[in-house]
Amino acid sequence: MTIFKEIVDEEYLTISEAKELLADIEAERALDEDRELRYELARAIEHVNRFAALDPEEAQELVAELEELEKVDEPTAYKIANLLPRNRDELRAVFAQQRYSLSGDELDEILNVVAQYA
């Protein structure tokens, strides 16, 4: 017998938003003394605590500003908001999978938006 899982809903999250959600789960599980955190959940909580640099509201503002730019689509905007690249090389790594490359001016425009929040 094969069990198939269906994707019901999908949405992008920033690390800051994931941190809030995981903090709620961690608090809920802390109330139940008999229930331990699974390894994967504990590692996810550790990861978001280490790498979440912005508040969730700031992260959403950054994503919105990035999506206004011509060459930045929604998934890429979330990647940039999560990574907060500081230079052209780090930003080029985000666009490495794309079928197009960005000019220096386009990269600088994106980095200027990121610099306002980082």
PDB file of N, CA and C in Angstrom:
ATOM      1  N   MET A   1       0.833  -1.181   0.000  1.00  0.00           N
ATOM      2  CA  MET A   1       0.000   0.000   0.000  1.00  0.00           C
ATOM      3  C   MET A   1       0.879   1.245   0.000  1.00  0.00           C
ATOM      4  N   THR A   2       0.593   2.156  -0.875  1.00  0.00           N
ATOM      5  CA  THR A   2       1.346   3.390  -0.986  1.00  0.00           C
ATOM      6  C   THR A   2       0.495   4.542  -0.462  1.00  0.00           C
ATOM      7  N   ILE A   3       1.141   5.349   0.337  1.00  0.00           N
ATOM      8  CA  ILE A   3       0.452   6.522   0.873  1.00  0.00           C
ATOM      9  C   ILE A   3       0.950   7.744   0.118  1.00  0.00           C
ATOM     10  N   PHE A   4       0.044   8.446  -0.503  1.00  0.00           N
ATOM     11  CA  PHE A   4       0.387   9.660  -1.221  1.00  0.00           C
ATOM     12  C   PHE A   4      -0.005  10.860  -0.382  1.00  0.00           C
ATOM     13  N   LYS A   5       0.863  11.839  -0.382  1.00  0.00           N
ATOM     14  CA  LYS A   5       0.551  13.078   0.317  1.00  0.00           C
ATOM     15  C   LYS A   5       0.287  14.156  -0.714  1.00  0.00           C
ATOM     16  N   GLU A   6      -0.707  14.945  -0.449  1.00  0.00           N
ATOM     17  CA  GLU A   6      -1.105  16.003  -1.359  1.00  0.00           C
ATOM     18  C   GLU A   6      -0.705  17.346  -0.754  1.00  0.00           C
ATOM     19  N   ILE A   7      -0.148  18.193  -1.556  1.00  0.00           N
ATOM     20  CA  ILE A   7       0.182  19.544  -1.104  1.00  0.00           C
ATOM     21  C   ILE A   7      -1.102  20.346  -1.111  1.00  0.00           C
ATOM     22  N   VAL A   8      -1.500  20.794   0.069  1.00  0.00           N
ATOM     23  CA  VAL A   8      -2.750  21.523   0.210  1.00  0.00           C
ATOM     24  C   VAL A   8      -2.524  23.012  -0.003  1.00  0.00           C
ATOM     25  N   ASP A   9      -1.422  23.512   0.539  1.00  0.00           N
ATOM     26  CA  ASP A   9      -1.144  24.938   0.461  1.00  0.00           C
ATOM     27  C   ASP A   9       0.364  25.129   0.514  1.00  0.00           C
ATOM     28  N   GLU A  10       0.830  26.196  -0.084  1.00  0.00           N
ATOM     29  CA  GLU A  10       2.254  26.488  -0.093  1.00  0.00           C
ATOM     30  C   GLU A  10       2.433  27.994  -0.051  1.00  0.00           C
ATOM     31  N   GLU A  11       3.325  28.439   0.794  1.00  0.00           N
ATOM     32  CA  GLU A  11       3.646  29.862   0.846  1.00  0.00           C
ATOM     33  C   GLU A  11       5.102  30.022   1.257  1.00  0.00           C
ATOM     34  N   TYR A  12       5.683  31.114   0.841  1.00  0.00           N
ATOM     35  CA  TYR A  12       7.071  31.408   1.185  1.00  0.00           C
ATOM     36  C   TYR A  12       7.117  32.116   2.525  1.00  0.00           C
ATOM     37  N   LEU A  13       8.168  31.828   3.285  1.00  0.00           N
ATOM     38  CA  LEU A  13       8.379  32.475   4.578  1.00  0.00           C
ATOM     39  C   LEU A  13       9.802  32.985   4.654  1.00  0.00           C
ATOM     40  N   THR A  14       9.972  34.058   5.376  1.00  0.00           N
ATOM     41  CA  THR A  14      11.325  34.502   5.693  1.00  0.00           C
ATOM     42  C   THR A  14      11.773  33.749   6.935  1.00  0.00           C
ATOM     43  N   ILE A  15      13.056  33.771   7.192  1.00  0.00           N
ATOM     44  CA  ILE A  15      13.579  33.107   8.387  1.00  0.00           C
ATOM     45  C   ILE A  15      12.973  33.736   9.639  1.00  0.00           C
ATOM     46  N   SER A  16      12.751  35.022   9.632  1.00  0.00           N
ATOM     47  CA  SER A  16      12.174  35.708  10.791  1.00  0.00           C
ATOM     48  C   SER A  16      10.757  35.222  11.078  1.00  0.00           C
ATOM     49  N   GLU A  17       9.981  35.016  10.023  1.00  0.00           N
ATOM     50  CA  GLU A  17       8.620  34.509  10.201  1.00  0.00           C
ATOM     51  C   GLU A  17       8.646  33.062  10.692  1.00  0.00           C
ATOM     52  N   ALA A  18       9.567  32.275  10.161  1.00  0.00           N
ATOM     53  CA  ALA A  18       9.706  30.889  10.611  1.00  0.00           C
ATOM     54  C   ALA A  18      10.126  30.845  12.080  1.00  0.00           C
ATOM     55  N   LYS A  19      10.959  31.801  12.479  1.00  0.00           N
ATOM     56  CA  LYS A  19      11.394  31.867  13.879  1.00  0.00           C
ATOM     57  C   LYS A  19      10.199  32.077  14.806  1.00  0.00           C
ATOM     58  N   GLU A  20       9.291  32.965  14.422  1.00  0.00           N
ATOM     59  CA  GLU A  20       8.090  33.203  15.230  1.00  0.00           C
ATOM     60  C   GLU A  20       7.232  31.943  15.329  1.00  0.00           C
ATOM     61  N   LEU A  21       7.025  31.278  14.203  1.00  0.00           N
ATOM     62  CA  LEU A  21       6.209  30.065  14.200  1.00  0.00           C
ATOM     63  C   LEU A  21       6.847  28.969  15.042  1.00  0.00           C
ATOM     64  N   LEU A  22       8.152  28.798  14.906  1.00  0.00           N
ATOM     65  CA  LEU A  22       8.836  27.760  15.674  1.00  0.00           C
ATOM     66  C   LEU A  22       8.891  28.100  17.160  1.00  0.00           C
ATOM     67  N   ALA A  23       8.956  29.374  17.494  1.00  0.00           N
ATOM     68  CA  ALA A  23       8.927  29.767  18.901  1.00  0.00           C
ATOM     69  C   ALA A  23       7.589  29.408  19.527  1.00  0.00           C
ATOM     70  N   ASP A  24       6.513  29.585  18.779  1.00  0.00           N
ATOM     71  CA  ASP A  24       5.187  29.196  19.274  1.00  0.00           C
ATOM     72  C   ASP A  24       5.110  27.683  19.501  1.00  0.00           C
ATOM     73  N   ILE A  25       5.642  26.919  18.564  1.00  0.00           N
ATOM     74  CA  ILE A  25       5.638  25.458  18.692  1.00  0.00           C
ATOM     75  C   ILE A  25       6.492  25.033  19.887  1.00  0.00           C
ATOM     76  N   GLU A  26       7.643  25.674  20.034  1.00  0.00           N
ATOM     77  CA  GLU A  26       8.536  25.341  21.149  1.00  0.00           C
ATOM     78  C   GLU A  26       7.865  25.648  22.486  1.00  0.00           C
ATOM     79  N   ALA A  27       7.176  26.773  22.591  1.00  0.00           N
ATOM     80  CA  ALA A  27       6.482  27.133  23.831  1.00  0.00           C
ATOM     81  C   ALA A  27       5.344  26.147  24.124  1.00  0.00           C
ATOM     82  N   GLU A  28       4.642  25.755  23.090  1.00  0.00           N
ATOM     83  CA  GLU A  28       3.546  24.795  23.253  1.00  0.00           C
ATOM     84  C   GLU A  28       4.067  23.449  23.746  1.00  0.00           C
ATOM     85  N   ARG A  29       5.180  23.011  23.172  1.00  0.00           N
ATOM     86  CA  ARG A  29       5.751  21.722  23.578  1.00  0.00           C
ATOM     87  C   ARG A  29       6.382  21.799  24.961  1.00  0.00           C
ATOM     88  N   ALA A  30       6.848  22.969  25.366  1.00  0.00           N
ATOM     89  CA  ALA A  30       7.455  23.121  26.687  1.00  0.00           C
ATOM     90  C   ALA A  30       6.413  22.956  27.791  1.00  0.00           C
ATOM     91  N   LEU A  31       5.156  23.260  27.497  1.00  0.00           N
ATOM     92  CA  LEU A  31       4.087  23.102  28.480  1.00  0.00           C
ATOM     93  C   LEU A  31       3.823  21.633  28.804  1.00  0.00           C
ATOM     94  N   ASP A  32       4.043  20.763  27.833  1.00  0.00           N
ATOM     95  CA  ASP A  32       3.839  19.336  28.033  1.00  0.00           C
ATOM     96  C   ASP A  32       5.179  18.707  28.416  1.00  0.00           C
ATOM     97  N   GLU A  33       5.337  18.373  29.693  1.00  0.00           N
ATOM     98  CA  GLU A  33       6.621  17.894  30.202  1.00  0.00           C
ATOM     99  C   GLU A  33       7.028  16.548  29.612  1.00  0.00           C
ATOM    100  N   ASP A  34       6.067  15.739  29.213  1.00  0.00           N
ATOM    101  CA  ASP A  34       6.370  14.416  28.694  1.00  0.00           C
ATOM    102  C   ASP A  34       6.783  14.433  27.222  1.00  0.00           C
ATOM    103  N   ARG A  35       6.593  15.536  26.573  1.00  0.00           N
ATOM    104  CA  ARG A  35       6.841  15.613  25.135  1.00  0.00           C
ATOM    105  C   ARG A  35       8.172  16.307  24.870  1.00  0.00           C
ATOM    106  N   GLU A  36       9.076  15.601  24.225  1.00  0.00           N
ATOM    107  CA  GLU A  36      10.380  16.169  23.894  1.00  0.00           C
ATOM    108  C   GLU A  36      10.361  16.742  22.475  1.00  0.00           C
ATOM    109  N   LEU A  37      11.307  17.628  22.209  1.00  0.00           N
ATOM    110  CA  LEU A  37      11.468  18.146  20.855  1.00  0.00           C
ATOM    111  C   LEU A  37      12.215  17.109  20.023  1.00  0.00           C
ATOM    112  N   ARG A  38      11.689  16.832  18.860  1.00  0.00           N
ATOM    113  CA  ARG A  38      12.416  15.938  17.962  1.00  0.00           C
ATOM    114  C   ARG A  38      13.688  16.629  17.512  1.00  0.00           C
ATOM    115  N   TYR A  39      14.652  15.822  17.105  1.00  0.00           N
ATOM    116  CA  TYR A  39      15.954  16.329  16.688  1.00  0.00           C
ATOM    117  C   TYR A  39      15.823  17.373  15.583  1.00  0.00           C
ATOM    118  N   GLU A  40      15.015  17.064  14.580  1.00  0.00           N
ATOM    119  CA  GLU A  40      14.863  17.966  13.434  1.00  0.00           C
ATOM    120  C   GLU A  40      14.276  19.306  13.858  1.00  0.00           C
ATOM    121  N   LEU A  41      13.294  19.259  14.750  1.00  0.00           N
ATOM    122  CA  LEU A  41      12.673  20.491  15.233  1.00  0.00           C
ATOM    123  C   LEU A  41      13.657  21.306  16.048  1.00  0.00           C
ATOM    124  N   ALA A  42      14.424  20.646  16.896  1.00  0.00           N
ATOM    125  CA  ALA A  42      15.429  21.353  17.705  1.00  0.00           C
ATOM    126  C   ALA A  42      16.477  22.008  16.814  1.00  0.00           C
ATOM    127  N   ARG A  43      16.904  21.315  15.761  1.00  0.00           N
ATOM    128  CA  ARG A  43      17.888  21.886  14.827  1.00  0.00           C
ATOM    129  C   ARG A  43      17.298  23.062  14.051  1.00  0.00           C
ATOM    130  N   ALA A  44      16.032  22.955  13.662  1.00  0.00           N
ATOM    131  CA  ALA A  44      15.377  24.052  12.942  1.00  0.00           C
ATOM    132  C   ALA A  44      15.288  25.282  13.835  1.00  0.00           C
ATOM    133  N   ILE A  45      14.934  25.095  15.090  1.00  0.00           N
ATOM    134  CA  ILE A  45      14.846  26.212  16.032  1.00  0.00           C
ATOM    135  C   ILE A  45      16.221  26.839  16.235  1.00  0.00           C
ATOM    136  N   GLU A  46      17.240  26.009  16.366  1.00  0.00           N
ATOM    137  CA  GLU A  46      18.607  26.517  16.516  1.00  0.00           C
ATOM    138  C   GLU A  46      19.028  27.327  15.286  1.00  0.00           C
ATOM    139  N   HIS A  47      18.682  26.821  14.102  1.00  0.00           N
ATOM    140  CA  HIS A  47      19.035  27.498  12.852  1.00  0.00           C
ATOM    141  C   HIS A  47      18.383  28.877  12.747  1.00  0.00           C
ATOM    142  N   VAL A  48      17.076  28.949  12.986  1.00  0.00           N
ATOM    143  CA  VAL A  48      16.406  30.246  12.845  1.00  0.00           C
ATOM    144  C   VAL A  48      16.858  31.224  13.918  1.00  0.00           C
ATOM    145  N   ASN A  49      17.168  30.732  15.107  1.00  0.00           N
ATOM    146  CA  ASN A  49      17.662  31.628  16.151  1.00  0.00           C
ATOM    147  C   ASN A  49      19.022  32.204  15.782  1.00  0.00           C
ATOM    148  N   ARG A  50      19.831  31.430  15.085  1.00  0.00           N
ATOM    149  CA  ARG A  50      21.160  31.887  14.700  1.00  0.00           C
ATOM    150  C   ARG A  50      21.125  32.852  13.514  1.00  0.00           C
ATOM    151  N   PHE A  51      20.242  32.601  12.553  1.00  0.00           N
ATOM    152  CA  PHE A  51      20.318  33.337  11.291  1.00  0.00           C
ATOM    153  C   PHE A  51      19.227  34.383  11.062  1.00  0.00           C
ATOM    154  N   ALA A  52      18.249  34.480  11.910  1.00  0.00           N
ATOM    155  CA  ALA A  52      17.209  35.501  11.734  1.00  0.00           C
ATOM    156  C   ALA A  52      17.774  36.856  12.150  1.00  0.00           C
ATOM    157  N   ALA A  53      17.963  37.728  11.186  1.00  0.00           N
ATOM    158  CA  ALA A  53      18.588  39.018  11.455  1.00  0.00           C
ATOM    159  C   ALA A  53      17.577  40.161  11.535  1.00  0.00           C
ATOM    160  N   LEU A  54      16.434  39.993  10.902  1.00  0.00           N
ATOM    161  CA  LEU A  54      15.445  41.063  10.843  1.00  0.00           C
ATOM    162  C   LEU A  54      14.198  40.676  11.628  1.00  0.00           C
ATOM    163  N   ASP A  55      13.402  41.681  11.958  1.00  0.00           N
ATOM    164  CA  ASP A  55      12.074  41.414  12.506  1.00  0.00           C
ATOM    165  C   ASP A  55      11.188  40.930  11.356  1.00  0.00           C
ATOM    166  N   PRO A  56      10.143  40.168  11.653  1.00  0.00           N
ATOM    167  CA  PRO A  56       9.270  39.687  10.575  1.00  0.00           C
ATOM    168  C   PRO A  56       8.672  40.817   9.732  1.00  0.00           C
ATOM    169  N   GLU A  57       8.331  41.933  10.367  1.00  0.00           N
ATOM    170  CA  GLU A  57       7.764  43.051   9.615  1.00  0.00           C
ATOM    171  C   GLU A  57       8.794  43.651   8.665  1.00  0.00           C
ATOM    172  N   GLU A  58      10.032  43.811   9.159  1.00  0.00           N
ATOM    173  CA  GLU A  58      11.095  44.347   8.309  1.00  0.00           C
ATOM    174  C   GLU A  58      11.375  43.403   7.142  1.00  0.00           C
ATOM    175  N   ALA A  59      11.382  42.115   7.420  1.00  0.00           N
ATOM    176  CA  ALA A  59      11.652  41.133   6.375  1.00  0.00           C
ATOM    177  C   ALA A  59      10.579  41.194   5.298  1.00  0.00           C
ATOM    178  N   GLN A  60       9.312  41.343   5.682  1.00  0.00           N
ATOM    179  CA  GLN A  60       8.236  41.443   4.702  1.00  0.00           C
ATOM    180  C   GLN A  60       8.349  42.736   3.889  1.00  0.00           C
ATOM    181  N   GLU A  61       8.750  43.831   4.535  1.00  0.00           N
ATOM    182  CA  GLU A  61       8.959  45.085   3.805  1.00  0.00           C
ATOM    183  C   GLU A  61      10.076  44.922   2.778  1.00  0.00           C
ATOM    184  N   LEU A  62      11.153  44.247   3.173  1.00  0.00           N
ATOM    185  CA  LEU A  62      12.265  44.012   2.258  1.00  0.00           C
ATOM    186  C   LEU A  62      11.811  43.177   1.074  1.00  0.00           C
ATOM    187  N   VAL A  63      11.066  42.120   1.328  1.00  0.00           N
ATOM    188  CA  VAL A  63      10.551  41.270   0.246  1.00  0.00           C
ATOM    189  C   VAL A  63       9.675  42.097  -0.696  1.00  0.00           C
ATOM    190  N   ALA A  64       8.816  42.932  -0.144  1.00  0.00           N
ATOM    191  CA  ALA A  64       7.934  43.758  -0.974  1.00  0.00           C
ATOM    192  C   ALA A  64       8.739  44.711  -1.849  1.00  0.00           C
ATOM    193  N   GLU A  65       9.768  45.324  -1.281  1.00  0.00           N
ATOM    194  CA  GLU A  65      10.606  46.246  -2.078  1.00  0.00           C
ATOM    195  C   GLU A  65      11.361  45.496  -3.157  1.00  0.00           C
ATOM    196  N   LEU A  66      11.850  44.310  -2.836  1.00  0.00           N
ATOM    197  CA  LEU A  66      12.594  43.529  -3.827  1.00  0.00           C
ATOM    198  C   LEU A  66      11.683  43.074  -4.964  1.00  0.00           C
ATOM    199  N   GLU A  67      10.453  42.718  -4.649  1.00  0.00           N
ATOM    200  CA  GLU A  67       9.521  42.271  -5.687  1.00  0.00           C
ATOM    201  C   GLU A  67       9.155  43.401  -6.644  1.00  0.00           C
ATOM    202  N   GLU A  68       9.296  44.630  -6.207  1.00  0.00           N
ATOM    203  CA  GLU A  68       9.018  45.769  -7.090  1.00  0.00           C
ATOM    204  C   GLU A  68      10.069  45.913  -8.182  1.00  0.00           C
ATOM    205  N   LEU A  69      11.264  45.362  -7.943  1.00  0.00           N
ATOM    206  CA  LEU A  69      12.331  45.436  -8.941  1.00  0.00           C
ATOM    207  C   LEU A  69      12.026  44.487 -10.099  1.00  0.00           C
ATOM    208  N   GLU A  70      12.498  44.842 -11.266  1.00  0.00           N
ATOM    209  CA  GLU A  70      12.128  44.129 -12.491  1.00  0.00           C
ATOM    210  C   GLU A  70      12.597  42.673 -12.518  1.00  0.00           C
ATOM    211  N   LYS A  71      13.805  42.392 -12.141  1.00  0.00           N
ATOM    212  CA  LYS A  71      14.380  41.052 -12.304  1.00  0.00           C
ATOM    213  C   LYS A  71      14.196  40.141 -11.088  1.00  0.00           C
ATOM    214  N   VAL A  72      13.464  40.587 -10.077  1.00  0.00           N
ATOM    215  CA  VAL A  72      13.334  39.808  -8.842  1.00  0.00           C
ATOM    216  C   VAL A  72      11.903  39.278  -8.726  1.00  0.00           C
ATOM    217  N   ASP A  73      11.770  37.953  -8.785  1.00  0.00           N
ATOM    218  CA  ASP A  73      10.463  37.330  -8.601  1.00  0.00           C
ATOM    219  C   ASP A  73      10.281  36.957  -7.129  1.00  0.00           C
ATOM    220  N   GLU A  74       9.127  36.419  -6.788  1.00  0.00           N
ATOM    221  CA  GLU A  74       8.806  36.144  -5.381  1.00  0.00           C
ATOM    222  C   GLU A  74       9.780  35.169  -4.712  1.00  0.00           C
ATOM    223  N   PRO A  75      10.068  34.000  -5.310  1.00  0.00           N
ATOM    224  CA  PRO A  75      11.000  33.088  -4.635  1.00  0.00           C
ATOM    225  C   PRO A  75      12.384  33.698  -4.434  1.00  0.00           C
ATOM    226  N   THR A  76      12.845  34.435  -5.429  1.00  0.00           N
ATOM    227  CA  THR A  76      14.163  35.062  -5.334  1.00  0.00           C
ATOM    228  C   THR A  76      14.166  36.155  -4.275  1.00  0.00           C
ATOM    229  N   ALA A  77      13.088  36.908  -4.161  1.00  0.00           N
ATOM    230  CA  ALA A  77      12.994  37.952  -3.143  1.00  0.00           C
ATOM    231  C   ALA A  77      13.102  37.340  -1.743  1.00  0.00           C
ATOM    232  N   TYR A  78      12.451  36.213  -1.531  1.00  0.00           N
ATOM    233  CA  TYR A  78      12.530  35.548  -0.226  1.00  0.00           C
ATOM    234  C   TYR A  78      13.929  35.007   0.038  1.00  0.00           C
ATOM    235  N   LYS A  79      14.593  34.474  -0.996  1.00  0.00           N
ATOM    236  CA  LYS A  79      15.971  33.996  -0.827  1.00  0.00           C
ATOM    237  C   LYS A  79      16.882  35.143  -0.425  1.00  0.00           C
ATOM    238  N   ILE A  80      16.740  36.270  -1.114  1.00  0.00           N
ATOM    239  CA  ILE A  80      17.579  37.427  -0.816  1.00  0.00           C
ATOM    240  C   ILE A  80      17.301  37.930   0.598  1.00  0.00           C
ATOM    241  N   ALA A  81      16.032  37.986   0.990  1.00  0.00           N
ATOM    242  CA  ALA A  81      15.681  38.456   2.335  1.00  0.00           C
ATOM    243  C   ALA A  81      16.225  37.519   3.408  1.00  0.00           C
ATOM    244  N   ASN A  82      16.295  36.240   3.113  1.00  0.00           N
ATOM    245  CA  ASN A  82      16.819  35.288   4.085  1.00  0.00           C
ATOM    246  C   ASN A  82      18.340  35.323   4.172  1.00  0.00           C
ATOM    247  N   LEU A  83      18.994  35.527   3.046  1.00  0.00           N
ATOM    248  CA  LEU A  83      20.456  35.495   3.016  1.00  0.00           C
ATOM    249  C   LEU A  83      21.101  36.848   3.299  1.00  0.00           C
ATOM    250  N   LEU A  84      20.411  37.936   2.955  1.00  0.00           N
ATOM    251  CA  LEU A  84      20.937  39.294   3.090  1.00  0.00           C
ATOM    252  C   LEU A  84      22.354  39.409   2.523  1.00  0.00           C
ATOM    253  N   PRO A  85      22.506  39.206   1.216  1.00  0.00           N
ATOM    254  CA  PRO A  85      23.841  39.272   0.611  1.00  0.00           C
ATOM    255  C   PRO A  85      24.440  40.671   0.756  1.00  0.00           C
ATOM    256  N   ARG A  86      25.726  40.709   0.981  1.00  0.00           N
ATOM    257  CA  ARG A  86      26.412  41.985   1.217  1.00  0.00           C
ATOM    258  C   ARG A  86      27.224  42.461   0.016  1.00  0.00           C
ATOM    259  N   ASN A  87      27.501  41.585  -0.941  1.00  0.00           N
ATOM    260  CA  ASN A  87      28.289  42.004  -2.095  1.00  0.00           C
ATOM    261  C   ASN A  87      27.776  41.314  -3.355  1.00  0.00           C
ATOM    262  N   ARG A  88      28.352  41.685  -4.484  1.00  0.00           N
ATOM    263  CA  ARG A  88      27.887  41.167  -5.775  1.00  0.00           C
ATOM    264  C   ARG A  88      28.049  39.652  -5.888  1.00  0.00           C
ATOM    265  N   ASP A  89      29.156  39.125  -5.367  1.00  0.00           N
ATOM    266  CA  ASP A  89      29.393  37.686  -5.483  1.00  0.00           C
ATOM    267  C   ASP A  89      28.334  36.887  -4.735  1.00  0.00           C
ATOM    268  N   GLU A  90      27.986  37.321  -3.531  1.00  0.00           N
ATOM    269  CA  GLU A  90      26.955  36.630  -2.763  1.00  0.00           C
ATOM    270  C   GLU A  90      25.605  36.726  -3.473  1.00  0.00           C
ATOM    271  N   LEU A  91      25.331  37.873  -4.062  1.00  0.00           N
ATOM    272  CA  LEU A  91      24.062  38.060  -4.781  1.00  0.00           C
ATOM    273  C   LEU A  91      24.025  37.242  -6.069  1.00  0.00           C
ATOM    274  N   ARG A  92      25.152  37.144  -6.755  1.00  0.00           N
ATOM    275  CA  ARG A  92      25.204  36.328  -7.977  1.00  0.00           C
ATOM    276  C   ARG A  92      24.903  34.862  -7.661  1.00  0.00           C
ATOM    277  N   ALA A  93      25.311  34.401  -6.489  1.00  0.00           N
ATOM    278  CA  ALA A  93      25.034  33.016  -6.093  1.00  0.00           C
ATOM    279  C   ALA A  93      23.532  32.768  -6.002  1.00  0.00           C
ATOM    280  N   VAL A  94      22.771  33.778  -5.597  1.00  0.00           N
ATOM    281  CA  VAL A  94      21.317  33.642  -5.523  1.00  0.00           C
ATOM    282  C   VAL A  94      20.734  33.475  -6.929  1.00  0.00           C
ATOM    283  N   PHE A  95      21.293  34.174  -7.887  1.00  0.00           N
ATOM    284  CA  PHE A  95      20.788  34.148  -9.259  1.00  0.00           C
ATOM    285  C   PHE A  95      21.468  33.085 -10.119  1.00  0.00           C
ATOM    286  N   ALA A  96      22.294  32.235  -9.547  1.00  0.00           N
ATOM    287  CA  ALA A  96      23.054  31.251 -10.319  1.00  0.00           C
ATOM    288  C   ALA A  96      22.146  30.271 -11.058  1.00  0.00           C
ATOM    289  N   GLN A  97      20.989  29.945 -10.529  1.00  0.00           N
ATOM    290  CA  GLN A  97      20.082  28.989 -11.156  1.00  0.00           C
ATOM    291  C   GLN A  97      19.218  29.622 -12.247  1.00  0.00           C
ATOM    292  N   GLN A  98      19.208  30.929 -12.341  1.00  0.00           N
ATOM    293  CA  GLN A  98      18.364  31.618 -13.316  1.00  0.00           C
ATOM    294  C   GLN A  98      18.954  31.479 -14.720  1.00  0.00           C
ATOM    295  N   ARG A  99      18.111  31.652 -15.700  1.00  0.00           N
ATOM    296  CA  ARG A  99      18.546  31.560 -17.097  1.00  0.00           C
ATOM    297  C   ARG A  99      19.145  32.874 -17.598  1.00  0.00           C
ATOM    298  N   TYR A 100      19.188  33.853 -16.767  1.00  0.00           N
ATOM    299  CA  TYR A 100      19.722  35.149 -17.161  1.00  0.00           C
ATOM    300  C   TYR A 100      20.718  35.609 -16.101  1.00  0.00           C
ATOM    301  N   SER A 101      21.554  36.545 -16.486  1.00  0.00           N
ATOM    302  CA  SER A 101      22.483  37.130 -15.517  1.00  0.00           C
ATOM    303  C   SER A 101      22.177  38.620 -15.417  1.00  0.00           C
ATOM    304  N   LEU A 102      22.508  39.173 -14.297  1.00  0.00           N
ATOM    305  CA  LEU A 102      22.218  40.583 -14.056  1.00  0.00           C
ATOM    306  C   LEU A 102      23.451  41.431 -14.320  1.00  0.00           C
ATOM    307  N   SER A 103      23.225  42.639 -14.761  1.00  0.00           N
ATOM    308  CA  SER A 103      24.326  43.582 -14.963  1.00  0.00           C
ATOM    309  C   SER A 103      24.783  44.117 -13.614  1.00  0.00           C
ATOM    310  N   GLY A 104      25.891  44.776 -13.607  1.00  0.00           N
ATOM    311  CA  GLY A 104      26.413  45.354 -12.377  1.00  0.00           C
ATOM    312  C   GLY A 104      25.466  46.370 -11.766  1.00  0.00           C
ATOM    313  N   ASP A 105      24.823  47.163 -12.607  1.00  0.00           N
ATOM    314  CA  ASP A 105      23.875  48.170 -12.107  1.00  0.00           C
ATOM    315  C   ASP A 105      22.666  47.513 -11.447  1.00  0.00           C
ATOM    316  N   GLU A 106      22.175  46.431 -12.058  1.00  0.00           N
ATOM    317  CA  GLU A 106      21.024  45.728 -11.474  1.00  0.00           C
ATOM    318  C   GLU A 106      21.395  45.084 -10.144  1.00  0.00           C
ATOM    319  N   LEU A 107      22.596  44.519 -10.083  1.00  0.00           N
ATOM    320  CA  LEU A 107      23.063  43.945  -8.816  1.00  0.00           C
ATOM    321  C   LEU A 107      23.193  45.017  -7.743  1.00  0.00           C
ATOM    322  N   ASP A 108      23.752  46.156  -8.122  1.00  0.00           N
ATOM    323  CA  ASP A 108      23.915  47.253  -7.163  1.00  0.00           C
ATOM    324  C   ASP A 108      22.577  47.781  -6.676  1.00  0.00           C
ATOM    325  N   GLU A 109      21.599  47.828  -7.570  1.00  0.00           N
ATOM    326  CA  GLU A 109      20.263  48.289  -7.184  1.00  0.00           C
ATOM    327  C   GLU A 109      19.668  47.368  -6.112  1.00  0.00           C
ATOM    328  N   ILE A 110      19.814  46.074  -6.311  1.00  0.00           N
ATOM    329  CA  ILE A 110      19.304  45.112  -5.326  1.00  0.00           C
ATOM    330  C   ILE A 110      20.082  45.231  -4.028  1.00  0.00           C
ATOM    331  N   LEU A 111      21.402  45.350  -4.116  1.00  0.00           N
ATOM    332  CA  LEU A 111      22.227  45.470  -2.909  1.00  0.00           C
ATOM    333  C   LEU A 111      21.915  46.742  -2.133  1.00  0.00           C
ATOM    334  N   ASN A 112      21.561  47.816  -2.830  1.00  0.00           N
ATOM    335  CA  ASN A 112      21.176  49.056  -2.143  1.00  0.00           C
ATOM    336  C   ASN A 112      19.896  48.871  -1.335  1.00  0.00           C
ATOM    337  N   VAL A 113      18.942  48.121  -1.896  1.00  0.00           N
ATOM    338  CA  VAL A 113      17.697  47.839  -1.164  1.00  0.00           C
ATOM    339  C   VAL A 113      18.001  46.999   0.069  1.00  0.00           C
ATOM    340  N   VAL A 114      18.843  45.981  -0.099  1.00  0.00           N
ATOM    341  CA  VAL A 114      19.214  45.098   1.026  1.00  0.00           C
ATOM    342  C   VAL A 114      19.958  45.892   2.105  1.00  0.00           C
ATOM    343  N   ALA A 115      20.824  46.806   1.683  1.00  0.00           N
ATOM    344  CA  ALA A 115      21.625  47.584   2.630  1.00  0.00           C
ATOM    345  C   ALA A 115      20.754  48.455   3.539  1.00  0.00           C
ATOM    346  N   GLN A 116      19.584  48.847   3.077  1.00  0.00           N
ATOM    347  CA  GLN A 116      18.672  49.642   3.914  1.00  0.00           C
ATOM    348  C   GLN A 116      18.183  48.853   5.123  1.00  0.00           C
ATOM    349  N   TYR A 117      18.158  47.534   5.007  1.00  0.00           N
ATOM    350  CA  TYR A 117      17.608  46.694   6.075  1.00  0.00           C
ATOM    351  C   TYR A 117      18.675  45.944   6.866  1.00  0.00           C
ATOM    352  N   ALA A 118      19.807  45.682   6.251  1.00  0.00           N
ATOM    353  CA  ALA A 118      20.851  44.882   6.906  1.00  0.00           C
ATOM    354  C   ALA A 118      21.680  45.705   7.875  1.00  0.00           C
TER     355      ALA A 118
END
